[in-house]
Structures are given as C-alpha cells and as structure tokens.
Amino acid sequence: LCLNKPKTTEFADYVNQLRIVPVS
C-alpha cells in the first residue's frame, strides 16, 4: 500500500492519508 508513497512524505503521514479502517 505504501509503495506509492512520495519520498518527501513521512511513512506515518502516508498511512494516515490512506484512511485505513480495519473490519472484523
């Protein structure tokens, strides 16, 4: 999911921007 992250973007910031919602 994070392979598309720009080099200038922090890992955590990119993850947060993905708006991931876990579902059970």
PDB file of all heavy atoms in Angstrom:
ATOM      1  N   LEU A   1       0.820  -1.210   0.000  1.00  0.00           N
ATOM      2  CA  LEU A   1       0.000   0.000   0.000  1.00  0.00           C
ATOM      3  C   LEU A   1       0.858   1.266   0.000  1.00  0.00           C
ATOM      4  O   LEU A   1       0.454   2.302  -0.535  1.00  0.00           O
ATOM      5  CB  LEU A   1      -0.913   0.014   1.235  1.00  0.00           C
ATOM      6  CG  LEU A   1      -2.012  -1.057   1.287  1.00  0.00           C
ATOM      7  CD1 LEU A   1      -2.688  -1.046   2.650  1.00  0.00           C
ATOM      8  CD2 LEU A   1      -3.038  -0.826   0.178  1.00  0.00           C
ATOM      9  N   CYS A   2       2.054   1.159   0.577  1.00  0.00           N
ATOM     10  CA  CYS A   2       2.916   2.337   0.725  1.00  0.00           C
ATOM     11  C   CYS A   2       3.986   2.465  -0.356  1.00  0.00           C
ATOM     12  O   CYS A   2       4.826   3.366  -0.294  1.00  0.00           O
ATOM     13  CB  CYS A   2       3.572   2.329   2.105  1.00  0.00           C
ATOM     14  SG  CYS A   2       2.377   2.477   3.468  1.00  0.00           S
ATOM     15  N   LEU A   3       3.976   1.573  -1.342  1.00  0.00           N
ATOM     16  CA  LEU A   3       4.956   1.672  -2.436  1.00  0.00           C
ATOM     17  C   LEU A   3       4.786   2.964  -3.225  1.00  0.00           C
ATOM     18  O   LEU A   3       5.739   3.454  -3.849  1.00  0.00           O
ATOM     19  CB  LEU A   3       4.813   0.476  -3.385  1.00  0.00           C
ATOM     20  CG  LEU A   3       5.377  -0.852  -2.897  1.00  0.00           C
ATOM     21  CD1 LEU A   3       5.045  -1.963  -3.890  1.00  0.00           C
ATOM     22  CD2 LEU A   3       6.891  -0.763  -2.704  1.00  0.00           C
ATOM     23  N   ASN A   4       3.579   3.536  -3.195  1.00  0.00           N
ATOM     24  CA  ASN A   4       3.309   4.762  -3.948  1.00  0.00           C
ATOM     25  C   ASN A   4       3.648   6.020  -3.143  1.00  0.00           C
ATOM     26  O   ASN A   4       3.438   7.138  -3.613  1.00  0.00           O
ATOM     27  CB  ASN A   4       1.832   4.785  -4.355  1.00  0.00           C
ATOM     28  CG  ASN A   4       1.520   5.828  -5.404  1.00  0.00           C
ATOM     29  OD1 ASN A   4       2.104   5.820  -6.493  1.00  0.00           O
ATOM     30  ND2 ASN A   4       0.619   6.748  -5.091  1.00  0.00           N
ATOM     31  N   LYS A   5       4.174   5.855  -1.956  1.00  0.00           N
ATOM     32  CA  LYS A   5       4.490   6.999  -1.089  1.00  0.00           C
ATOM     33  C   LYS A   5       5.583   7.865  -1.703  1.00  0.00           C
ATOM     34  O   LYS A   5       6.655   7.366  -2.057  1.00  0.00           O
ATOM     35  CB  LYS A   5       4.952   6.484   0.281  1.00  0.00           C
ATOM     36  CG  LYS A   5       5.307   7.584   1.269  1.00  0.00           C
ATOM     37  CD  LYS A   5       5.878   7.026   2.556  1.00  0.00           C
ATOM     38  CE  LYS A   5       7.324   6.593   2.405  1.00  0.00           C
ATOM     39  NZ  LYS A   5       8.242   7.740   2.129  1.00  0.00           N
ATOM     40  N   PRO A   6       5.330   9.171  -1.839  1.00  0.00           N
ATOM     41  CA  PRO A   6       6.404  10.072  -2.301  1.00  0.00           C
ATOM     42  C   PRO A   6       7.567  10.090  -1.312  1.00  0.00           C
ATOM     43  O   PRO A   6       7.362   9.934  -0.101  1.00  0.00           O
ATOM     44  CB  PRO A   6       5.709  11.441  -2.351  1.00  0.00           C
ATOM     45  CG  PRO A   6       4.241  11.145  -2.390  1.00  0.00           C
ATOM     46  CD  PRO A   6       4.058   9.876  -1.625  1.00  0.00           C
ATOM     47  N   LYS A   7       8.765  10.270  -1.808  1.00  0.00           N
ATOM     48  CA  LYS A   7       9.942  10.268  -0.940  1.00  0.00           C
ATOM     49  C   LYS A   7       9.887  11.381   0.101  1.00  0.00           C
ATOM     50  O   LYS A   7      10.483  11.262   1.186  1.00  0.00           O
ATOM     51  CB  LYS A   7      11.209  10.405  -1.784  1.00  0.00           C
ATOM     52  CG  LYS A   7      11.507   9.178  -2.641  1.00  0.00           C
ATOM     53  CD  LYS A   7      12.781   9.353  -3.444  1.00  0.00           C
ATOM     54  CE  LYS A   7      13.077   8.114  -4.288  1.00  0.00           C
ATOM     55  NZ  LYS A   7      14.305   8.260  -5.104  1.00  0.00           N
ATOM     56  N   THR A   8       9.179  12.451  -0.222  1.00  0.00           N
ATOM     57  CA  THR A   8       9.123  13.598   0.692  1.00  0.00           C
ATOM     58  C   THR A   8       8.071  13.436   1.792  1.00  0.00           C
ATOM     59  O   THR A   8       7.986  14.265   2.693  1.00  0.00           O
ATOM     60  CB  THR A   8       8.806  14.879  -0.099  1.00  0.00           C
ATOM     61  OG1 THR A   8       7.600  14.670  -0.854  1.00  0.00           O
ATOM     62  CG2 THR A   8       9.944  15.225  -1.047  1.00  0.00           C
ATOM     63  N   THR A   9       7.278  12.373   1.705  1.00  0.00           N
ATOM     64  CA  THR A   9       6.207  12.145   2.692  1.00  0.00           C
ATOM     65  C   THR A   9       6.657  11.129   3.731  1.00  0.00           C
ATOM     66  O   THR A   9       7.211  10.088   3.397  1.00  0.00           O
ATOM     67  CB  THR A   9       4.923  11.634   2.007  1.00  0.00           C
ATOM     68  OG1 THR A   9       4.512  12.571   1.003  1.00  0.00           O
ATOM     69  CG2 THR A   9       3.797  11.448   3.010  1.00  0.00           C
ATOM     70  N   GLU A  10       6.425  11.445   4.992  1.00  0.00           N
ATOM     71  CA  GLU A  10       6.758  10.523   6.074  1.00  0.00           C
ATOM     72  C   GLU A  10       5.858   9.287   5.995  1.00  0.00           C
ATOM     73  O   GLU A  10       4.697   9.371   5.603  1.00  0.00           O
ATOM     74  CB  GLU A  10       6.575  11.203   7.435  1.00  0.00           C
ATOM     75  CG  GLU A  10       7.554  12.335   7.711  1.00  0.00           C
ATOM     76  CD  GLU A  10       8.983  11.834   7.857  1.00  0.00           C
ATOM     77  OE1 GLU A  10       9.175  10.688   8.337  1.00  0.00           O
ATOM     78  OE2 GLU A  10       9.899  12.585   7.474  1.00  0.00           O
ATOM     79  N   PHE A  11       6.414   8.148   6.428  1.00  0.00           N
ATOM     80  CA  PHE A  11       5.664   6.886   6.367  1.00  0.00           C
ATOM     81  C   PHE A  11       4.337   6.999   7.113  1.00  0.00           C
ATOM     82  O   PHE A  11       3.275   6.635   6.580  1.00  0.00           O
ATOM     83  CB  PHE A  11       6.513   5.755   6.951  1.00  0.00           C
ATOM     84  CG  PHE A  11       5.803   4.435   7.020  1.00  0.00           C
ATOM     85  CD1 PHE A  11       5.701   3.619   5.901  1.00  0.00           C
ATOM     86  CD2 PHE A  11       5.222   4.003   8.213  1.00  0.00           C
ATOM     87  CE1 PHE A  11       5.035   2.396   5.960  1.00  0.00           C
ATOM     88  CE2 PHE A  11       4.558   2.779   8.280  1.00  0.00           C
ATOM     89  CZ  PHE A  11       4.465   1.981   7.150  1.00  0.00           C
ATOM     90  N   ALA A  12       4.365   7.491   8.349  1.00  0.00           N
ATOM     91  CA  ALA A  12       3.142   7.577   9.154  1.00  0.00           C
ATOM     92  C   ALA A  12       2.115   8.507   8.509  1.00  0.00           C
ATOM     93  O   ALA A  12       0.911   8.218   8.537  1.00  0.00           O
ATOM     94  CB  ALA A  12       3.474   8.057  10.567  1.00  0.00           C
ATOM     95  N   ASP A  13       2.593   9.593   7.935  1.00  0.00           N
ATOM     96  CA  ASP A  13       1.673  10.532   7.279  1.00  0.00           C
ATOM     97  C   ASP A  13       0.974   9.871   6.099  1.00  0.00           C
ATOM     98  O   ASP A  13      -0.232  10.052   5.889  1.00  0.00           O
ATOM     99  CB  ASP A  13       2.430  11.778   6.793  1.00  0.00           C
ATOM    100  CG  ASP A  13       2.930  12.647   7.936  1.00  0.00           C
ATOM    101  OD1 ASP A  13       2.378  12.521   9.055  1.00  0.00           O
ATOM    102  OD2 ASP A  13       3.873  13.442   7.726  1.00  0.00           O
ATOM    103  N   TYR A  14       1.721   9.078   5.336  1.00  0.00           N
ATOM    104  CA  TYR A  14       1.125   8.427   4.170  1.00  0.00           C
ATOM    105  C   TYR A  14       0.095   7.384   4.616  1.00  0.00           C
ATOM    106  O   TYR A  14      -0.996   7.288   4.036  1.00  0.00           O
ATOM    107  CB  TYR A  14       2.196   7.764   3.309  1.00  0.00           C
ATOM    108  CG  TYR A  14       1.657   7.278   1.972  1.00  0.00           C
ATOM    109  CD1 TYR A  14       1.446   8.178   0.929  1.00  0.00           C
ATOM    110  CD2 TYR A  14       1.335   5.936   1.771  1.00  0.00           C
ATOM    111  CE1 TYR A  14       0.945   7.749  -0.294  1.00  0.00           C
ATOM    112  CE2 TYR A  14       0.829   5.498   0.554  1.00  0.00           C
ATOM    113  CZ  TYR A  14       0.641   6.410  -0.474  1.00  0.00           C
ATOM    114  OH  TYR A  14       0.122   5.983  -1.682  1.00  0.00           O
ATOM    115  N   VAL A  15       0.430   6.609   5.639  1.00  0.00           N
ATOM    116  CA  VAL A  15      -0.513   5.613   6.170  1.00  0.00           C
ATOM    117  C   VAL A  15      -1.795   6.294   6.632  1.00  0.00           C
ATOM    118  O   VAL A  15      -2.910   5.840   6.335  1.00  0.00           O
ATOM    119  CB  VAL A  15       0.127   4.813   7.325  1.00  0.00           C
ATOM    120  CG1 VAL A  15      -0.928   3.963   8.047  1.00  0.00           C
ATOM    121  CG2 VAL A  15       1.248   3.916   6.805  1.00  0.00           C
ATOM    122  N   ASN A  16      -1.658   7.401   7.340  1.00  0.00           N
ATOM    123  CA  ASN A  16      -2.832   8.125   7.829  1.00  0.00           C
ATOM    124  C   ASN A  16      -3.680   8.661   6.673  1.00  0.00           C
ATOM    125  O   ASN A  16      -4.909   8.688   6.756  1.00  0.00           O
ATOM    126  CB  ASN A  16      -2.408   9.267   8.755  1.00  0.00           C
ATOM    127  CG  ASN A  16      -1.767   8.774  10.043  1.00  0.00           C
ATOM    128  OD1 ASN A  16      -2.024   7.651  10.471  1.00  0.00           O
ATOM    129  ND2 ASN A  16      -0.925   9.595  10.648  1.00  0.00           N
ATOM    130  N   GLN A  17      -3.015   9.069   5.589  1.00  0.00           N
ATOM    131  CA  GLN A  17      -3.737   9.591   4.419  1.00  0.00           C
ATOM    132  C   GLN A  17      -4.524   8.510   3.678  1.00  0.00           C
ATOM    133  O   GLN A  17      -5.466   8.814   2.945  1.00  0.00           O
ATOM    134  CB  GLN A  17      -2.748  10.250   3.452  1.00  0.00           C
ATOM    135  CG  GLN A  17      -2.156  11.557   3.952  1.00  0.00           C
ATOM    136  CD  GLN A  17      -0.953  12.008   3.117  1.00  0.00           C
ATOM    137  OE1 GLN A  17      -0.762  11.557   1.995  1.00  0.00           O
ATOM    138  NE2 GLN A  17      -0.144  12.882   3.689  1.00  0.00           N
ATOM    139  N   LEU A  18      -4.145   7.251   3.876  1.00  0.00           N
ATOM    140  CA  LEU A  18      -4.857   6.150   3.217  1.00  0.00           C
ATOM    141  C   LEU A  18      -6.239   5.906   3.838  1.00  0.00           C
ATOM    142  O   LEU A  18      -7.070   5.211   3.243  1.00  0.00           O
ATOM    143  CB  LEU A  18      -4.035   4.857   3.294  1.00  0.00           C
ATOM    144  CG  LEU A  18      -2.790   4.776   2.415  1.00  0.00           C
ATOM    145  CD1 LEU A  18      -1.971   3.545   2.756  1.00  0.00           C
ATOM    146  CD2 LEU A  18      -3.175   4.756   0.933  1.00  0.00           C
ATOM    147  N   ARG A  19      -6.459   6.442   5.015  1.00  0.00           N
ATOM    148  CA  ARG A  19      -7.743   6.294   5.717  1.00  0.00           C
ATOM    149  C   ARG A  19      -8.123   4.804   5.851  1.00  0.00           C
ATOM    150  O   ARG A  19      -9.202   4.369   5.439  1.00  0.00           O
ATOM    151  CB  ARG A  19      -8.850   7.095   5.011  1.00  0.00           C
ATOM    152  CG  ARG A  19      -8.599   8.604   5.029  1.00  0.00           C
ATOM    153  CD  ARG A  19      -9.721   9.397   4.406  1.00  0.00           C
ATOM    154  NE  ARG A  19      -9.814   9.185   2.967  1.00  0.00           N
ATOM    155  CZ  ARG A  19      -9.034   9.792   2.061  1.00  0.00           C
ATOM    156  NH1 ARG A  19      -8.086  10.639   2.466  1.00  0.00           N
ATOM    157  NH2 ARG A  19      -9.179   9.558   0.776  1.00  0.00           N
ATOM    158  N   ILE A  20      -7.209   4.059   6.443  1.00  0.00           N
ATOM    159  CA  ILE A  20      -7.415   2.615   6.646  1.00  0.00           C
ATOM    160  C   ILE A  20      -8.411   2.386   7.786  1.00  0.00           C
ATOM    161  O   ILE A  20      -8.263   2.943   8.869  1.00  0.00           O
ATOM    162  CB  ILE A  20      -6.076   1.923   6.979  1.00  0.00           C
ATOM    163  CG1 ILE A  20      -5.121   2.006   5.780  1.00  0.00           C
ATOM    164  CG2 ILE A  20      -6.304   0.465   7.373  1.00  0.00           C
ATOM    165  CD1 ILE A  20      -3.712   1.517   6.086  1.00  0.00           C
ATOM    166  N   VAL A  21      -9.417   1.579   7.520  1.00  0.00           N
ATOM    167  CA  VAL A  21     -10.404   1.199   8.536  1.00  0.00           C
ATOM    168  C   VAL A  21     -10.401  -0.325   8.660  1.00  0.00           C
ATOM    169  O   VAL A  21     -10.807  -1.029   7.732  1.00  0.00           O
ATOM    170  CB  VAL A  21     -11.818   1.681   8.157  1.00  0.00           C
ATOM    171  CG1 VAL A  21     -12.843   1.171   9.185  1.00  0.00           C
ATOM    172  CG2 VAL A  21     -11.867   3.204   8.067  1.00  0.00           C
ATOM    173  N   PRO A  22      -9.928  -0.875   9.790  1.00  0.00           N
ATOM    174  CA  PRO A  22      -9.996  -2.333   9.990  1.00  0.00           C
ATOM    175  C   PRO A  22     -11.449  -2.797  10.113  1.00  0.00           C
ATOM    176  O   PRO A  22     -12.282  -2.104  10.716  1.00  0.00           O
ATOM    177  CB  PRO A  22      -9.245  -2.547  11.303  1.00  0.00           C
ATOM    178  CG  PRO A  22      -8.397  -1.313  11.475  1.00  0.00           C
ATOM    179  CD  PRO A  22      -9.209  -0.198  10.892  1.00  0.00           C
ATOM    180  N   VAL A  23     -11.738  -3.943   9.535  1.00  0.00           N
ATOM    181  CA  VAL A  23     -13.091  -4.508   9.592  1.00  0.00           C
ATOM    182  C   VAL A  23     -13.012  -5.956  10.068  1.00  0.00           C
ATOM    183  O   VAL A  23     -12.179  -6.729   9.582  1.00  0.00           O
ATOM    184  CB  VAL A  23     -13.782  -4.451   8.206  1.00  0.00           C
ATOM    185  CG1 VAL A  23     -15.175  -5.087   8.280  1.00  0.00           C
ATOM    186  CG2 VAL A  23     -13.875  -3.021   7.696  1.00  0.00           C
ATOM    187  N   SER A  24     -13.887  -6.304  11.024  1.00  0.00           N
ATOM    188  CA  SER A  24     -13.991  -7.685  11.512  1.00  0.00           C
ATOM    189  C   SER A  24     -15.287  -8.290  10.998  1.00  0.00           C
ATOM    190  O   SER A  24     -16.356  -7.721  11.213  1.00  0.00           O
ATOM    191  CB  SER A  24     -14.009  -7.727  13.039  1.00  0.00           C
ATOM    192  OG  SER A  24     -12.915  -7.026  13.586  1.00  0.00           O
TER     193      SER A  24
END
